[in-house]
Amino acid sequence: MQPPPRKVKVTQELKNTHTEQMTRLHFKHQTECDLLEDMRYEQVSLPHACTDTILISSTAEELRNVLTDRQMI
């Protein structure tokens, strides 16, 4: 008698390779989605940060002007 053909092993190896590749692809996709989400969040928060900085610096300038005006009186 001859041993059974090796198709079962080859098929199982192919299935394992496919599963491994799909796992890697899914991980890569998830990482890229997270990166895009972070970039979107930074784009939204950046104008707020700039606005806050402008408000703080303008408030500091106004405070400096008020203090300077009081010293002159």
C-alpha atoms as a PDB file:
ATOM      1  CA  MET A   1       0.000   0.000   0.000  1.00  0.00           C
ATOM      2  CA  GLN A   2       1.038   3.524  -0.708  1.00  0.00           C
ATOM      3  CA  PRO A   3       0.763   6.340   1.816  1.00  0.00           C
ATOM      4  CA  PRO A   4      -2.032   8.865   1.275  1.00  0.00           C
ATOM      5  CA  PRO A   5      -1.188  11.849  -0.883  1.00  0.00           C
ATOM      6  CA  ARG A   6       0.380  14.937   0.706  1.00  0.00           C
ATOM      7  CA  LYS A   7      -2.469  17.222  -0.390  1.00  0.00           C
ATOM      8  CA  VAL A   8      -3.818  17.424   3.134  1.00  0.00           C
ATOM      9  CA  LYS A   9      -0.522  18.812   4.485  1.00  0.00           C
ATOM     10  CA  VAL A  10      -0.105  21.236   1.605  1.00  0.00           C
ATOM     11  CA  THR A  11      -3.688  22.418   2.006  1.00  0.00           C
ATOM     12  CA  GLN A  12      -3.226  22.874   5.751  1.00  0.00           C
ATOM     13  CA  GLU A  13       0.019  24.795   5.215  1.00  0.00           C
ATOM     14  CA  LEU A  14      -1.694  27.019   2.668  1.00  0.00           C
ATOM     15  CA  LYS A  15      -4.550  27.658   5.068  1.00  0.00           C
ATOM     16  CA  ASN A  16      -2.121  28.553   7.868  1.00  0.00           C
ATOM     17  CA  THR A  17      -0.169  30.886   5.590  1.00  0.00           C
ATOM     18  CA  HIS A  18      -3.364  32.557   4.453  1.00  0.00           C
ATOM     19  CA  THR A  19      -4.557  33.017   8.041  1.00  0.00           C
ATOM     20  CA  GLU A  20      -1.200  34.495   9.029  1.00  0.00           C
ATOM     21  CA  GLN A  21      -1.239  36.936   6.106  1.00  0.00           C
ATOM     22  CA  MET A  22      -4.809  37.975   6.849  1.00  0.00           C
ATOM     23  CA  THR A  23      -3.897  38.568  10.494  1.00  0.00           C
ATOM     24  CA  ARG A  24      -0.954  40.761   9.483  1.00  0.00           C
ATOM     25  CA  LEU A  25      -3.100  42.650   6.978  1.00  0.00           C
ATOM     26  CA  HIS A  26      -5.807  43.236   9.571  1.00  0.00           C
ATOM     27  CA  PHE A  27      -3.227  44.521  12.075  1.00  0.00           C
ATOM     28  CA  LYS A  28      -1.727  46.857   9.446  1.00  0.00           C
ATOM     29  CA  HIS A  29      -5.172  48.137   8.487  1.00  0.00           C
ATOM     30  CA  GLN A  30      -6.096  48.776  12.131  1.00  0.00           C
ATOM     31  CA  THR A  31      -2.815  50.609  12.747  1.00  0.00           C
ATOM     32  CA  GLU A  32      -3.372  52.840   9.713  1.00  0.00           C
ATOM     33  CA  CYS A  33      -6.956  53.579  10.785  1.00  0.00           C
ATOM     34  CA  ASP A  34      -5.738  54.580  14.243  1.00  0.00           C
ATOM     35  CA  LEU A  35      -3.094  56.824  12.692  1.00  0.00           C
ATOM     36  CA  LEU A  36      -5.679  58.529  10.458  1.00  0.00           C
ATOM     37  CA  GLU A  37      -7.977  59.038  13.426  1.00  0.00           C
ATOM     38  CA  ASP A  38      -5.125  60.629  15.395  1.00  0.00           C
ATOM     39  CA  MET A  39      -4.321  62.905  12.460  1.00  0.00           C
ATOM     40  CA  ARG A  40      -7.960  63.988  12.197  1.00  0.00           C
ATOM     41  CA  TYR A  41      -8.049  64.719  15.924  1.00  0.00           C
ATOM     42  CA  GLU A  42      -4.873  66.803  15.660  1.00  0.00           C
ATOM     43  CA  GLN A  43      -6.334  68.770  12.727  1.00  0.00           C
ATOM     44  CA  VAL A  44      -9.415  69.548  14.800  1.00  0.00           C
ATOM     45  CA  SER A  45      -7.518  70.407  17.970  1.00  0.00           C
ATOM     46  CA  LEU A  46      -4.799  72.459  16.248  1.00  0.00           C
ATOM     47  CA  PRO A  47      -7.017  75.489  15.476  1.00  0.00           C
ATOM     48  CA  HIS A  48      -8.297  75.403  19.061  1.00  0.00           C
ATOM     49  CA  ALA A  49      -4.732  75.376  20.380  1.00  0.00           C
ATOM     50  CA  CYS A  50      -3.800  78.283  18.102  1.00  0.00           C
ATOM     51  CA  THR A  51      -6.884  80.212  19.184  1.00  0.00           C
ATOM     52  CA  ASP A  52      -6.093  79.582  22.847  1.00  0.00           C
ATOM     53  CA  THR A  53      -2.513  80.775  22.326  1.00  0.00           C
ATOM     54  CA  ILE A  54      -3.696  83.929  20.561  1.00  0.00           C
ATOM     55  CA  LEU A  55      -6.217  84.635  23.317  1.00  0.00           C
ATOM     56  CA  ILE A  56      -3.625  84.119  26.037  1.00  0.00           C
ATOM     57  CA  SER A  57      -1.046  86.328  24.322  1.00  0.00           C
ATOM     58  CA  SER A  58      -3.619  89.050  23.580  1.00  0.00           C
ATOM     59  CA  THR A  59      -4.834  88.925  27.189  1.00  0.00           C
ATOM     60  CA  ALA A  60      -1.246  89.201  28.436  1.00  0.00           C
ATOM     61  CA  GLU A  61      -0.663  92.169  26.132  1.00  0.00           C
ATOM     62  CA  GLU A  62      -3.827  93.885  27.370  1.00  0.00           C
ATOM     63  CA  LEU A  63      -2.784  93.254  30.966  1.00  0.00           C
ATOM     64  CA  ARG A  64       0.645  94.737  30.244  1.00  0.00           C
ATOM     65  CA  ASN A  65      -0.997  97.814  28.705  1.00  0.00           C
ATOM     66  CA  VAL A  66      -3.298  98.259  31.712  1.00  0.00           C
ATOM     67  CA  LEU A  67      -0.397  97.947  34.146  1.00  0.00           C
ATOM     68  CA  THR A  68       1.670 100.400  32.112  1.00  0.00           C
ATOM     69  CA  ASP A  69      -1.237 102.872  32.010  1.00  0.00           C
ATOM     70  CA  ARG A  70      -1.699 102.615  35.801  1.00  0.00           C
ATOM     71  CA  GLN A  71       1.982 103.287  36.426  1.00  0.00           C
ATOM     72  CA  MET A  72       1.778 106.448  34.338  1.00  0.00           C
ATOM     73  CA  ILE A  73      -1.110 107.810  36.428  1.00  0.00           C
END
